[in-house]
C-alpha atoms as a PDB file:
ATOM      1  CA  UNK A   1     -12.082  26.228 -21.515  1.00  0.00           C
ATOM      2  CA  UNK A   2      -8.727  28.166 -20.611  1.00  0.00           C
ATOM      3  CA  UNK A   3      -5.448  27.476 -22.060  1.00  0.00           C
ATOM      4  CA  UNK A   4      -4.196  26.223 -18.554  1.00  0.00           C
ATOM      5  CA  UNK A   5      -7.100  23.818 -18.142  1.00  0.00           C
ATOM      6  CA  UNK A   6      -6.582  22.568 -21.840  1.00  0.00           C
ATOM      7  CA  UNK A   7      -3.001  21.907 -21.044  1.00  0.00           C
ATOM      8  CA  UNK A   8      -3.725  20.071 -17.936  1.00  0.00           C
ATOM      9  CA  UNK A   9      -6.244  17.713 -19.599  1.00  0.00           C
ATOM     10  CA  UNK A  10      -3.586  17.067 -22.464  1.00  0.00           C
ATOM     11  CA  UNK A  11      -1.008  16.129 -19.692  1.00  0.00           C
ATOM     12  CA  UNK A  12      -3.363  13.973 -18.044  1.00  0.00           C
ATOM     13  CA  UNK A  13      -4.288  12.182 -21.199  1.00  0.00           C
ATOM     14  CA  UNK A  14      -0.624  11.670 -22.096  1.00  0.00           C
ATOM     15  CA  UNK A  15      -0.159  10.366 -18.453  1.00  0.00           C
ATOM     16  CA  UNK A  16      -2.768   7.732 -18.716  1.00  0.00           C
ATOM     17  CA  UNK A  17      -1.665   6.693 -22.187  1.00  0.00           C
ATOM     18  CA  UNK A  18       1.952   6.189 -21.013  1.00  0.00           C
ATOM     19  CA  UNK A  19       0.558   4.337 -17.862  1.00  0.00           C
ATOM     20  CA  UNK A  20      -1.395   1.972 -20.030  1.00  0.00           C
ATOM     21  CA  UNK A  21       1.415   1.323 -22.306  1.00  0.00           C
ATOM     22  CA  UNK A  22       4.283   0.982 -19.731  1.00  0.00           C
ATOM     23  CA  UNK A  23       2.537  -0.809 -16.693  1.00  0.00           C
ATOM     24  CA  UNK A  24       2.823  -4.411 -17.656  1.00  0.00           C
ATOM     25  CA  UNK A  25       2.307  -6.334 -14.357  1.00  0.00           C
ATOM     26  CA  UNK A  26       0.138  -6.328 -11.380  1.00  0.00           C
ATOM     27  CA  UNK A  27       3.196  -5.623  -9.429  1.00  0.00           C
ATOM     28  CA  UNK A  28       3.958  -2.500 -11.365  1.00  0.00           C
ATOM     29  CA  UNK A  29       0.355  -1.418 -11.074  1.00  0.00           C
ATOM     30  CA  UNK A  30       0.248  -1.988  -7.208  1.00  0.00           C
ATOM     31  CA  UNK A  31       3.372   0.083  -7.095  1.00  0.00           C
ATOM     32  CA  UNK A  32       2.059   2.912  -9.080  1.00  0.00           C
ATOM     33  CA  UNK A  33      -1.158   2.904  -7.099  1.00  0.00           C
ATOM     34  CA  UNK A  34       0.630   2.879  -3.718  1.00  0.00           C
ATOM     35  CA  UNK A  35       2.625   6.012  -4.890  1.00  0.00           C
ATOM     36  CA  UNK A  36      -0.401   7.673  -6.374  1.00  0.00           C
ATOM     37  CA  UNK A  37      -2.085   7.381  -2.847  1.00  0.00           C
ATOM     38  CA  UNK A  38       0.812   8.803  -1.280  1.00  0.00           C
ATOM     39  CA  UNK A  39       0.809  11.762  -3.581  1.00  0.00           C
ATOM     40  CA  UNK A  40      -2.792  12.365  -3.126  1.00  0.00           C
ATOM     41  CA  UNK A  41      -2.707  11.804   0.511  1.00  0.00           C
ATOM     42  CA  UNK A  42      -5.265   9.044   0.389  1.00  0.00           C
ATOM     43  CA  UNK A  43      -4.124   5.881   2.206  1.00  0.00           C
ATOM     44  CA  UNK A  44      -4.773   2.741   0.140  1.00  0.00           C
ATOM     45  CA  UNK A  45      -6.731   1.076   3.022  1.00  0.00           C
ATOM     46  CA  UNK A  46      -8.624   3.434   5.162  1.00  0.00           C
ATOM     47  CA  UNK A  47      -9.535   1.963   8.370  1.00  0.00           C
ATOM     48  CA  UNK A  48     -11.889   3.018  11.061  1.00  0.00           C
ATOM     49  CA  UNK A  49     -10.428   3.186  14.513  1.00  0.00           C
ATOM     50  CA  UNK A  50     -10.919   0.133  16.560  1.00  0.00           C
ATOM     51  CA  UNK A  51     -13.477   0.186  19.531  1.00  0.00           C
ATOM     52  CA  UNK A  52     -12.225  -0.579  22.967  1.00  0.00           C
ATOM     53  CA  UNK A  53     -13.893  -4.146  22.694  1.00  0.00           C
ATOM     54  CA  UNK A  54     -12.232  -4.812  19.356  1.00  0.00           C
ATOM     55  CA  UNK A  55      -8.738  -3.868  20.763  1.00  0.00           C
ATOM     56  CA  UNK A  56      -9.312  -6.015  23.901  1.00  0.00           C
ATOM     57  CA  UNK A  57     -10.331  -9.032  21.572  1.00  0.00           C
ATOM     58  CA  UNK A  58      -7.178  -8.391  19.509  1.00  0.00           C
ATOM     59  CA  UNK A  59      -4.975  -8.228  22.602  1.00  0.00           C
ATOM     60  CA  UNK A  60      -6.483 -11.540  23.847  1.00  0.00           C
ATOM     61  CA  UNK A  61      -5.972 -13.228  20.625  1.00  0.00           C
ATOM     62  CA  UNK A  62      -2.375 -12.035  20.298  1.00  0.00           C
ATOM     63  CA  UNK A  63      -1.667 -13.260  23.718  1.00  0.00           C
ATOM     64  CA  UNK A  64      -3.264 -16.717  22.831  1.00  0.00           C
ATOM     65  CA  UNK A  65      -1.111 -16.711  19.668  1.00  0.00           C
ATOM     66  CA  UNK A  66       2.232 -16.179  21.794  1.00  0.00           C
ATOM     67  CA  UNK A  67       1.371 -18.938  24.215  1.00  0.00           C
ATOM     68  CA  UNK A  68       0.705 -21.372  21.262  1.00  0.00           C
ATOM     69  CA  UNK A  69       3.870 -20.451  19.526  1.00  0.00           C
ATOM     70  CA  UNK A  70       2.250 -18.833  16.599  1.00  0.00           C
ATOM     71  CA  UNK A  71       4.821 -16.147  16.402  1.00  0.00           C
ATOM     72  CA  UNK A  72       7.471 -14.960  13.779  1.00  0.00           C
ATOM     73  CA  UNK A  73      11.186 -14.031  14.501  1.00  0.00           C
ATOM     74  CA  UNK A  74      12.401 -10.669  13.456  1.00  0.00           C
ATOM     75  CA  UNK A  75      14.638 -12.446  11.100  1.00  0.00           C
ATOM     76  CA  UNK A  76      11.689 -14.128   9.445  1.00  0.00           C
ATOM     77  CA  UNK A  77       9.738 -10.764   9.190  1.00  0.00           C
ATOM     78  CA  UNK A  78      12.629  -9.124   7.677  1.00  0.00           C
ATOM     79  CA  UNK A  79      13.183 -11.696   5.110  1.00  0.00           C
ATOM     80  CA  UNK A  80       9.506 -11.702   4.255  1.00  0.00           C
ATOM     81  CA  UNK A  81       9.635  -7.840   3.884  1.00  0.00           C
ATOM     82  CA  UNK A  82      12.602  -7.983   1.715  1.00  0.00           C
ATOM     83  CA  UNK A  83      11.036 -10.555  -0.764  1.00  0.00           C
ATOM     84  CA  UNK A  84       7.685  -8.650  -0.883  1.00  0.00           C
ATOM     85  CA  UNK A  85       8.941  -5.060  -0.844  1.00  0.00           C
ATOM     86  CA  UNK A  86      12.388  -5.126  -2.160  1.00  0.00           C
ATOM     87  CA  UNK A  87      12.388  -1.374  -3.176  1.00  0.00           C
ATOM     88  CA  UNK A  88      11.947  -0.439   0.281  1.00  0.00           C
ATOM     89  CA  UNK A  89      14.735  -2.514   1.755  1.00  0.00           C
ATOM     90  CA  UNK A  90      17.494  -1.072  -0.589  1.00  0.00           C
END
């Protein structure tokens, strides 16, 4: 094993130790995972593209929701986002 590879392995081990000792809540864990996925360029929830039929079904359901009043105002959405993701709303 080369010196550079040994140093990388030591850094990884130290990172894992620090992560395990300092991350003390599910919220902190989720935040770390979110940023790790960004750094590694791997979306947290990979999703396949919708088919034409799926898109049409979603549109129909959305239009039904609007007619039935199952909607949120922009203020309601903003308040929920600020509660759920305060670090993004600073």
